[in-house]
Amino acid sequence: MKEIKGRAEVIELVDAFYNKVNEDPLLSPVFNQIAAVNWEAHLPKMYNFWESLLFGAHTYKGKPFDHHLQLPLTARHFERWVELFNETLNERFTGEKAEEARMKATNIAGVFRFKLNMLGSLQPES
């Protein structure tokens, strides 16, 4: 286990996490069939997003919430996203930045879920 010290570890975290997402029966269809994510373009944005959040790098520009508005997401999607993110952290990283990443991921998922619910866009569990 190692600490998240910079962009190299951010890239490792993001790549490992999205590998899990792509194998997950709940999340993979949302990312790959419904949103049709272009991974070659998406991953560098996520590297910049997490580098900005954890190190103040100011490399990310965008409004991540907007991309989630039209997706058929339930509370379970957000719970699973956080589970996989934490699982990735637990397998690979330790230390202050890992805990900061864990807290930020949990907060982001909670805020997105809350906002979608308030807008009437969060889907009921089936």
Protein backbone atom coordinates (compact mmCIF):
# COMPACT_ATOMS: atom_id res chain seq x y z
CA MET A 1 0.00 0.00 0.00
CA LYS A 2 1.19 3.47 -0.78
CA GLU A 3 0.14 7.05 -0.32
CA ILE A 4 -1.41 9.23 -2.99
CA LYS A 5 1.36 11.75 -3.54
CA GLY A 6 0.59 13.19 -6.95
CA ARG A 7 -0.75 12.71 -10.44
CA ALA A 8 0.81 9.26 -10.95
CA GLU A 9 -1.17 7.83 -8.03
CA VAL A 10 -4.31 9.69 -9.13
CA ILE A 11 -4.01 8.03 -12.54
CA GLU A 12 -3.54 4.63 -10.88
CA LEU A 13 -6.59 5.20 -8.67
CA VAL A 14 -8.82 6.38 -11.50
CA ASP A 15 -7.75 3.58 -13.88
CA ALA A 16 -8.21 0.87 -11.25
CA PHE A 17 -11.56 2.29 -10.18
CA TYR A 18 -12.97 2.54 -13.69
CA ASN A 19 -11.73 -0.98 -14.48
CA LYS A 20 -14.02 -2.08 -11.64
CA VAL A 21 -16.86 0.09 -12.95
CA ASN A 22 -16.52 -1.48 -16.39
CA GLU A 23 -16.81 -4.97 -14.88
CA ASP A 24 -19.71 -4.13 -12.57
CA PRO A 25 -23.12 -5.48 -13.62
CA LEU A 26 -24.95 -2.44 -12.22
CA LEU A 27 -22.67 0.41 -13.31
CA SER A 28 -21.16 -0.84 -16.55
CA PRO A 29 -24.41 -0.62 -18.56
CA VAL A 30 -24.96 2.98 -17.44
CA PHE A 31 -21.46 4.04 -18.45
CA ASN A 32 -21.08 1.94 -21.58
CA GLN A 33 -24.53 1.51 -23.11
CA ILE A 34 -26.63 4.41 -21.83
CA ALA A 35 -24.03 7.19 -21.50
CA ALA A 36 -21.76 5.59 -24.14
CA VAL A 37 -18.68 7.02 -22.43
CA ASN A 38 -15.68 7.59 -24.66
CA TRP A 39 -13.09 6.27 -22.21
CA GLU A 40 -10.15 7.71 -24.13
CA ALA A 41 -11.58 11.19 -23.59
CA HIS A 42 -13.20 10.57 -20.18
CA LEU A 43 -10.25 9.17 -18.24
CA PRO A 44 -7.96 12.22 -18.69
CA LYS A 45 -10.84 14.41 -17.47
CA MET A 46 -11.15 12.21 -14.38
CA TYR A 47 -7.39 12.40 -13.78
CA ASN A 48 -7.69 16.19 -13.87
CA PHE A 49 -10.83 16.16 -11.71
CA TRP A 50 -9.24 14.12 -8.91
CA GLU A 51 -5.89 15.88 -9.17
CA SER A 52 -7.72 19.19 -8.77
CA LEU A 53 -9.76 17.93 -5.81
CA LEU A 54 -6.83 16.38 -3.96
CA PHE A 55 -3.99 18.72 -4.85
CA GLY A 56 -5.62 21.97 -6.00
CA ALA A 57 -4.05 21.54 -9.43
CA HIS A 58 -6.78 23.50 -11.27
CA THR A 59 -6.45 21.10 -14.21
CA TYR A 60 -10.17 20.26 -14.33
CA LYS A 61 -12.67 22.51 -16.03
CA GLY A 62 -16.26 21.43 -16.28
CA LYS A 63 -19.57 20.81 -14.57
CA PRO A 64 -19.64 17.11 -13.70
CA PHE A 65 -23.19 17.14 -12.33
CA ASP A 66 -24.69 18.18 -15.67
CA HIS A 67 -23.60 14.92 -17.30
CA HIS A 68 -25.70 12.94 -14.83
CA LEU A 69 -29.01 14.73 -15.34
CA GLN A 70 -30.30 12.61 -18.20
CA LEU A 71 -29.15 9.23 -16.88
CA PRO A 72 -31.62 6.76 -15.32
CA LEU A 73 -29.85 6.66 -11.95
CA THR A 74 -31.12 5.27 -8.67
CA ALA A 75 -29.75 5.66 -5.17
CA ARG A 76 -28.22 2.19 -5.56
CA HIS A 77 -26.05 3.40 -8.46
CA PHE A 78 -24.50 6.01 -6.20
CA GLU A 79 -24.05 3.52 -3.35
CA ARG A 80 -22.31 1.08 -5.68
CA TRP A 81 -20.09 3.81 -7.12
CA VAL A 82 -18.91 4.69 -3.60
CA GLU A 83 -18.44 1.01 -2.71
CA LEU A 84 -16.19 0.45 -5.73
CA PHE A 85 -14.26 3.66 -5.12
CA ASN A 86 -13.62 2.71 -1.49
CA GLU A 87 -12.73 -0.84 -2.47
CA THR A 88 -10.13 0.54 -4.89
CA LEU A 89 -8.69 2.83 -2.23
CA ASN A 90 -8.57 0.00 0.32
CA GLU A 91 -6.71 -2.27 -2.09
CA ARG A 92 -4.09 0.23 -3.19
CA PHE A 93 -3.70 3.29 -0.98
CA THR A 94 -3.30 4.50 2.55
CA GLY A 95 -2.74 7.83 4.24
CA GLU A 96 -4.21 11.29 4.42
CA LYS A 97 -4.91 11.79 0.70
CA ALA A 98 -6.58 8.38 0.45
CA GLU A 99 -8.89 9.34 3.31
CA GLU A 100 -9.51 12.73 1.71
CA ALA A 101 -10.38 11.00 -1.58
CA ARG A 102 -12.75 8.65 0.28
CA MET A 103 -14.50 11.58 1.96
CA LYS A 104 -14.75 13.60 -1.25
CA ALA A 105 -16.13 10.65 -3.25
CA THR A 106 -18.76 9.99 -0.59
CA ASN A 107 -19.71 13.68 -0.51
CA ILE A 108 -19.88 13.97 -4.30
CA ALA A 109 -22.13 10.92 -4.57
CA GLY A 110 -24.36 12.27 -1.80
CA VAL A 111 -24.66 15.72 -3.35
CA PHE A 112 -25.37 14.33 -6.84
CA ARG A 113 -27.97 11.95 -5.44
CA PHE A 114 -29.61 14.73 -3.42
CA LYS A 115 -29.69 17.14 -6.36
CA LEU A 116 -31.13 14.52 -8.73
CA ASN A 117 -33.77 13.68 -6.16
CA MET A 118 -34.67 17.35 -5.68
CA LEU A 119 -34.97 17.78 -9.46
CA GLY A 120 -37.16 14.69 -9.72
CA SER A 121 -34.55 12.93 -11.85
CA LEU A 122 -33.51 10.21 -9.39
CA GLN A 123 -35.24 7.02 -10.47
CA PRO A 124 -37.08 4.79 -7.98
CA GLU A 125 -35.48 1.46 -7.14
CA SER A 126 -36.93 -1.37 -9.18
